[in-house]
Amino acid sequence: MMTVSELMVLAREAPQDLLCWSSFVAQTEFARQNSILVSDAERWQTLWFEMEIVNALALAEWEDDGRPCDWSRRWREGYEQDAKALVSELLPLLVSPEAKA
């Protein structure tokens, strides 16, 4: 089971490139079901769907481009800002370690 601290690290690293983002989206699909991690499951789910849309669009474009090893420029130009914005909305939904004490 993932901890809040681990999830925070993954979230902050996720927007750096498509593979990190895709992995983060996959790993967080069911995090809303864990009240130890997430304070607002409904809001989390809404944001997660938006993350999945960004993920799906980016993956489709990457595949259309022939799955290049270096897709960093296109990620930065088209998707990174959306990913960062979603992460910034997602992080406050994590239960803080202090709240559990």
N, C-alpha and C. Protein backbone atom coordinates (compact mmCIF):
# COMPACT_ATOMS: atom_id res chain seq x y z
N MET A 1 0.83 -1.18 0.00
CA MET A 1 0.00 0.00 0.00
C MET A 1 0.89 1.25 0.00
N MET A 2 0.53 2.21 -0.81
CA MET A 2 1.29 3.44 -0.94
C MET A 2 0.98 4.37 0.24
N THR A 3 2.00 5.08 0.70
CA THR A 3 1.81 6.05 1.77
C THR A 3 1.56 7.44 1.17
N VAL A 4 1.10 8.36 2.01
CA VAL A 4 0.90 9.74 1.57
C VAL A 4 2.22 10.33 1.09
N SER A 5 3.28 10.09 1.84
CA SER A 5 4.60 10.62 1.47
C SER A 5 5.05 10.09 0.11
N GLU A 6 4.87 8.81 -0.13
CA GLU A 6 5.25 8.23 -1.42
C GLU A 6 4.41 8.81 -2.55
N LEU A 7 3.13 8.97 -2.28
CA LEU A 7 2.24 9.54 -3.29
C LEU A 7 2.61 10.99 -3.60
N MET A 8 3.01 11.74 -2.60
CA MET A 8 3.43 13.12 -2.82
C MET A 8 4.68 13.19 -3.70
N VAL A 9 5.63 12.31 -3.45
CA VAL A 9 6.85 12.28 -4.27
C VAL A 9 6.50 11.93 -5.71
N LEU A 10 5.68 10.91 -5.90
CA LEU A 10 5.27 10.53 -7.26
C LEU A 10 4.54 11.66 -7.96
N ALA A 11 3.67 12.34 -7.23
CA ALA A 11 2.90 13.44 -7.81
C ALA A 11 3.81 14.57 -8.27
N ARG A 12 4.79 14.89 -7.47
CA ARG A 12 5.70 15.99 -7.83
C ARG A 12 6.60 15.63 -9.02
N GLU A 13 6.92 14.36 -9.15
CA GLU A 13 7.77 13.92 -10.26
C GLU A 13 6.97 13.64 -11.54
N ALA A 14 5.70 13.38 -11.41
CA ALA A 14 4.87 12.93 -12.53
C ALA A 14 4.88 13.84 -13.75
N PRO A 15 4.80 15.17 -13.60
CA PRO A 15 4.73 16.01 -14.80
C PRO A 15 6.03 16.12 -15.60
N GLN A 16 7.11 15.52 -15.15
CA GLN A 16 8.39 15.71 -15.83
C GLN A 16 8.45 15.10 -17.22
N ASP A 17 7.72 14.02 -17.46
CA ASP A 17 7.69 13.44 -18.81
C ASP A 17 6.51 12.49 -18.95
N LEU A 18 6.27 12.06 -20.16
CA LEU A 18 5.10 11.23 -20.45
C LEU A 18 5.12 9.91 -19.69
N LEU A 19 6.26 9.25 -19.62
CA LEU A 19 6.31 7.95 -18.95
C LEU A 19 6.04 8.08 -17.45
N CYS A 20 6.59 9.10 -16.82
CA CYS A 20 6.31 9.34 -15.39
C CYS A 20 4.84 9.65 -15.19
N TRP A 21 4.29 10.48 -16.07
CA TRP A 21 2.88 10.86 -15.97
C TRP A 21 1.98 9.64 -16.14
N SER A 22 2.24 8.86 -17.14
CA SER A 22 1.43 7.68 -17.41
C SER A 22 1.46 6.70 -16.24
N SER A 23 2.64 6.50 -15.68
CA SER A 23 2.79 5.62 -14.52
C SER A 23 2.02 6.17 -13.32
N PHE A 24 2.13 7.47 -13.08
CA PHE A 24 1.43 8.09 -11.95
C PHE A 24 -0.09 7.95 -12.11
N VAL A 25 -0.59 8.20 -13.29
CA VAL A 25 -2.03 8.08 -13.53
C VAL A 25 -2.48 6.64 -13.26
N ALA A 26 -1.73 5.68 -13.72
CA ALA A 26 -2.09 4.27 -13.49
C ALA A 26 -2.05 3.91 -12.01
N GLN A 27 -1.03 4.39 -11.31
CA GLN A 27 -0.88 4.05 -9.89
C GLN A 27 -1.91 4.71 -8.99
N THR A 28 -2.50 5.80 -9.43
CA THR A 28 -3.43 6.54 -8.58
C THR A 28 -4.90 6.31 -8.92
N GLU A 29 -5.17 5.42 -9.85
CA GLU A 29 -6.55 5.22 -10.28
C GLU A 29 -7.49 4.91 -9.12
N PHE A 30 -7.07 4.10 -8.18
CA PHE A 30 -7.96 3.68 -7.10
C PHE A 30 -7.61 4.29 -5.75
N ALA A 31 -6.74 5.28 -5.74
CA ALA A 31 -6.34 5.92 -4.49
C ALA A 31 -7.52 6.56 -3.77
N ARG A 32 -8.51 6.99 -4.52
CA ARG A 32 -9.69 7.62 -3.92
C ARG A 32 -10.40 6.70 -2.93
N GLN A 33 -10.22 5.41 -3.09
CA GLN A 33 -10.88 4.44 -2.22
C GLN A 33 -10.21 4.30 -0.87
N ASN A 34 -9.07 4.96 -0.70
CA ASN A 34 -8.32 4.84 0.54
C ASN A 34 -8.42 6.15 1.33
N SER A 35 -9.26 6.15 2.35
CA SER A 35 -9.48 7.37 3.15
C SER A 35 -8.26 7.75 3.97
N ILE A 36 -7.30 6.86 4.08
CA ILE A 36 -6.05 7.18 4.77
C ILE A 36 -5.20 8.10 3.88
N LEU A 37 -5.39 8.00 2.58
CA LEU A 37 -4.62 8.81 1.62
C LEU A 37 -5.36 10.07 1.16
N VAL A 38 -6.64 9.93 0.90
CA VAL A 38 -7.40 10.97 0.21
C VAL A 38 -8.52 11.52 1.08
N SER A 39 -8.59 12.85 1.16
CA SER A 39 -9.61 13.48 2.00
C SER A 39 -10.95 13.69 1.30
N ASP A 40 -10.95 13.82 -0.02
CA ASP A 40 -12.18 14.07 -0.78
C ASP A 40 -12.18 13.15 -2.00
N ALA A 41 -12.78 11.99 -1.83
CA ALA A 41 -12.76 10.96 -2.88
C ALA A 41 -13.45 11.42 -4.16
N GLU A 42 -14.53 12.15 -4.03
CA GLU A 42 -15.26 12.60 -5.21
C GLU A 42 -14.43 13.59 -6.03
N ARG A 43 -13.82 14.54 -5.36
CA ARG A 43 -12.97 15.52 -6.06
C ARG A 43 -11.75 14.83 -6.68
N TRP A 44 -11.17 13.88 -5.93
CA TRP A 44 -10.03 13.12 -6.43
C TRP A 44 -10.41 12.42 -7.74
N GLN A 45 -11.57 11.78 -7.74
CA GLN A 45 -12.01 11.04 -8.92
C GLN A 45 -12.18 11.98 -10.11
N THR A 46 -12.75 13.15 -9.87
CA THR A 46 -12.92 14.13 -10.94
C THR A 46 -11.57 14.54 -11.52
N LEU A 47 -10.62 14.85 -10.65
CA LEU A 47 -9.28 15.23 -11.10
C LEU A 47 -8.59 14.06 -11.79
N TRP A 48 -8.78 12.86 -11.26
CA TRP A 48 -8.14 11.69 -11.87
C TRP A 48 -8.64 11.51 -13.31
N PHE A 49 -9.93 11.70 -13.55
CA PHE A 49 -10.45 11.59 -14.91
C PHE A 49 -9.80 12.63 -15.83
N GLU A 50 -9.59 13.83 -15.33
CA GLU A 50 -8.90 14.85 -16.12
C GLU A 50 -7.45 14.44 -16.40
N MET A 51 -6.80 13.84 -15.40
CA MET A 51 -5.44 13.34 -15.60
C MET A 51 -5.42 12.26 -16.65
N GLU A 52 -6.41 11.39 -16.63
CA GLU A 52 -6.49 10.30 -17.60
C GLU A 52 -6.70 10.84 -19.01
N ILE A 53 -7.45 11.91 -19.14
CA ILE A 53 -7.64 12.52 -20.46
C ILE A 53 -6.32 13.05 -20.99
N VAL A 54 -5.58 13.77 -20.16
CA VAL A 54 -4.25 14.26 -20.57
C VAL A 54 -3.37 13.09 -20.95
N ASN A 55 -3.40 12.05 -20.14
CA ASN A 55 -2.60 10.85 -20.39
C ASN A 55 -2.97 10.20 -21.72
N ALA A 56 -4.26 10.03 -21.95
CA ALA A 56 -4.71 9.37 -23.18
C ALA A 56 -4.34 10.19 -24.42
N LEU A 57 -4.54 11.50 -24.34
CA LEU A 57 -4.19 12.35 -25.49
C LEU A 57 -2.70 12.32 -25.77
N ALA A 58 -1.90 12.42 -24.72
CA ALA A 58 -0.44 12.40 -24.90
C ALA A 58 0.04 11.05 -25.43
N LEU A 59 -0.47 9.97 -24.85
CA LEU A 59 -0.06 8.64 -25.33
C LEU A 59 -0.45 8.41 -26.78
N ALA A 60 -1.64 8.86 -27.15
CA ALA A 60 -2.08 8.69 -28.54
C ALA A 60 -1.18 9.47 -29.49
N GLU A 61 -0.83 10.68 -29.12
CA GLU A 61 0.05 11.48 -29.98
C GLU A 61 1.45 10.86 -30.04
N TRP A 62 1.94 10.41 -28.90
CA TRP A 62 3.26 9.76 -28.86
C TRP A 62 3.28 8.53 -29.77
N GLU A 63 2.22 7.73 -29.70
CA GLU A 63 2.13 6.54 -30.56
C GLU A 63 2.03 6.94 -32.04
N ASP A 64 1.25 7.98 -32.33
CA ASP A 64 1.14 8.47 -33.71
C ASP A 64 2.49 8.96 -34.24
N ASP A 65 3.32 9.46 -33.33
CA ASP A 65 4.66 9.93 -33.71
C ASP A 65 5.67 8.79 -33.81
N GLY A 66 5.21 7.56 -33.64
CA GLY A 66 6.09 6.40 -33.77
C GLY A 66 6.80 6.01 -32.49
N ARG A 67 6.27 6.42 -31.34
CA ARG A 67 6.85 6.10 -30.03
C ARG A 67 8.32 6.46 -29.92
N PRO A 68 8.67 7.70 -30.19
CA PRO A 68 10.09 8.08 -30.12
C PRO A 68 10.63 7.99 -28.71
N CYS A 69 11.91 7.66 -28.60
CA CYS A 69 12.56 7.57 -27.29
C CYS A 69 12.60 8.92 -26.58
N ASP A 70 12.80 9.97 -27.35
CA ASP A 70 12.84 11.31 -26.77
C ASP A 70 11.66 12.11 -27.27
N TRP A 71 10.66 12.22 -26.42
CA TRP A 71 9.45 12.96 -26.75
C TRP A 71 9.31 14.15 -25.81
N SER A 72 10.40 14.51 -25.14
CA SER A 72 10.36 15.52 -24.08
C SER A 72 9.93 16.90 -24.58
N ARG A 73 10.39 17.27 -25.75
CA ARG A 73 10.02 18.60 -26.27
C ARG A 73 8.51 18.70 -26.49
N ARG A 74 7.94 17.69 -27.11
CA ARG A 74 6.49 17.69 -27.37
C ARG A 74 5.71 17.65 -26.06
N TRP A 75 6.19 16.88 -25.08
CA TRP A 75 5.54 16.82 -23.77
C TRP A 75 5.53 18.22 -23.14
N ARG A 76 6.68 18.86 -23.14
CA ARG A 76 6.77 20.21 -22.55
C ARG A 76 5.86 21.20 -23.25
N GLU A 77 5.81 21.13 -24.57
CA GLU A 77 5.02 22.08 -25.34
C GLU A 77 3.51 21.85 -25.21
N GLY A 78 3.09 20.61 -25.11
CA GLY A 78 1.66 20.33 -25.19
C GLY A 78 0.97 19.83 -23.95
N TYR A 79 1.73 19.30 -23.00
CA TYR A 79 1.07 18.59 -21.91
C TYR A 79 1.58 18.90 -20.50
N GLU A 80 2.81 19.30 -20.40
CA GLU A 80 3.42 19.48 -19.07
C GLU A 80 2.66 20.47 -18.19
N GLN A 81 2.24 21.60 -18.75
CA GLN A 81 1.54 22.60 -17.93
C GLN A 81 0.21 22.07 -17.42
N ASP A 82 -0.52 21.34 -18.25
CA ASP A 82 -1.77 20.74 -17.79
C ASP A 82 -1.51 19.73 -16.68
N ALA A 83 -0.48 18.94 -16.84
CA ALA A 83 -0.13 17.94 -15.83
C ALA A 83 0.24 18.62 -14.51
N LYS A 84 1.04 19.67 -14.58
CA LYS A 84 1.42 20.40 -13.36
C LYS A 84 0.20 21.01 -12.68
N ALA A 85 -0.70 21.57 -13.45
CA ALA A 85 -1.90 22.18 -12.88
C ALA A 85 -2.76 21.14 -12.18
N LEU A 86 -2.91 19.98 -12.79
CA LEU A 86 -3.70 18.92 -12.17
C LEU A 86 -3.06 18.42 -10.89
N VAL A 87 -1.75 18.26 -10.90
CA VAL A 87 -1.05 17.83 -9.68
C VAL A 87 -1.22 18.86 -8.58
N SER A 88 -1.16 20.14 -8.93
CA SER A 88 -1.30 21.17 -7.91
C SER A 88 -2.70 21.16 -7.29
N GLU A 89 -3.69 20.71 -8.03
CA GLU A 89 -5.05 20.57 -7.48
C GLU A 89 -5.19 19.27 -6.69
N LEU A 90 -4.44 18.26 -7.08
CA LEU A 90 -4.54 16.95 -6.45
C LEU A 90 -3.85 16.90 -5.08
N LEU A 91 -2.70 17.53 -4.97
CA LEU A 91 -1.92 17.45 -3.73
C LEU A 91 -2.69 17.88 -2.48
N PRO A 92 -3.48 18.95 -2.52
CA PRO A 92 -4.22 19.33 -1.31
C PRO A 92 -5.27 18.29 -0.87
N LEU A 93 -5.60 17.37 -1.74
CA LEU A 93 -6.58 16.34 -1.39
C LEU A 93 -5.97 15.18 -0.61
N LEU A 94 -4.65 15.17 -0.53
CA LEU A 94 -3.99 14.11 0.25
C LEU A 94 -4.13 14.42 1.73
N VAL A 95 -4.37 13.39 2.50
CA VAL A 95 -4.47 13.55 3.95
C VAL A 95 -3.09 13.83 4.50
N SER A 96 -2.95 14.91 5.21
CA SER A 96 -1.64 15.26 5.75
C SER A 96 -1.29 14.32 6.90
N PRO A 97 -0.02 13.99 7.04
CA PRO A 97 0.40 13.10 8.15
C PRO A 97 -0.01 13.67 9.51
N GLU A 98 -0.02 15.01 9.65
CA GLU A 98 -0.41 15.63 10.91
C GLU A 98 -1.88 15.38 11.25
N ALA A 99 -2.71 15.28 10.22
CA ALA A 99 -4.15 15.08 10.43
C ALA A 99 -4.44 13.69 11.00
N LYS A 100 -3.54 12.75 10.76
CA LYS A 100 -3.75 11.38 11.26
C LYS A 100 -3.34 11.25 12.71
N ALA A 101 -2.55 12.16 13.21
CA ALA A 101 -2.03 12.05 14.59
C ALA A 101 -3.08 12.41 15.61
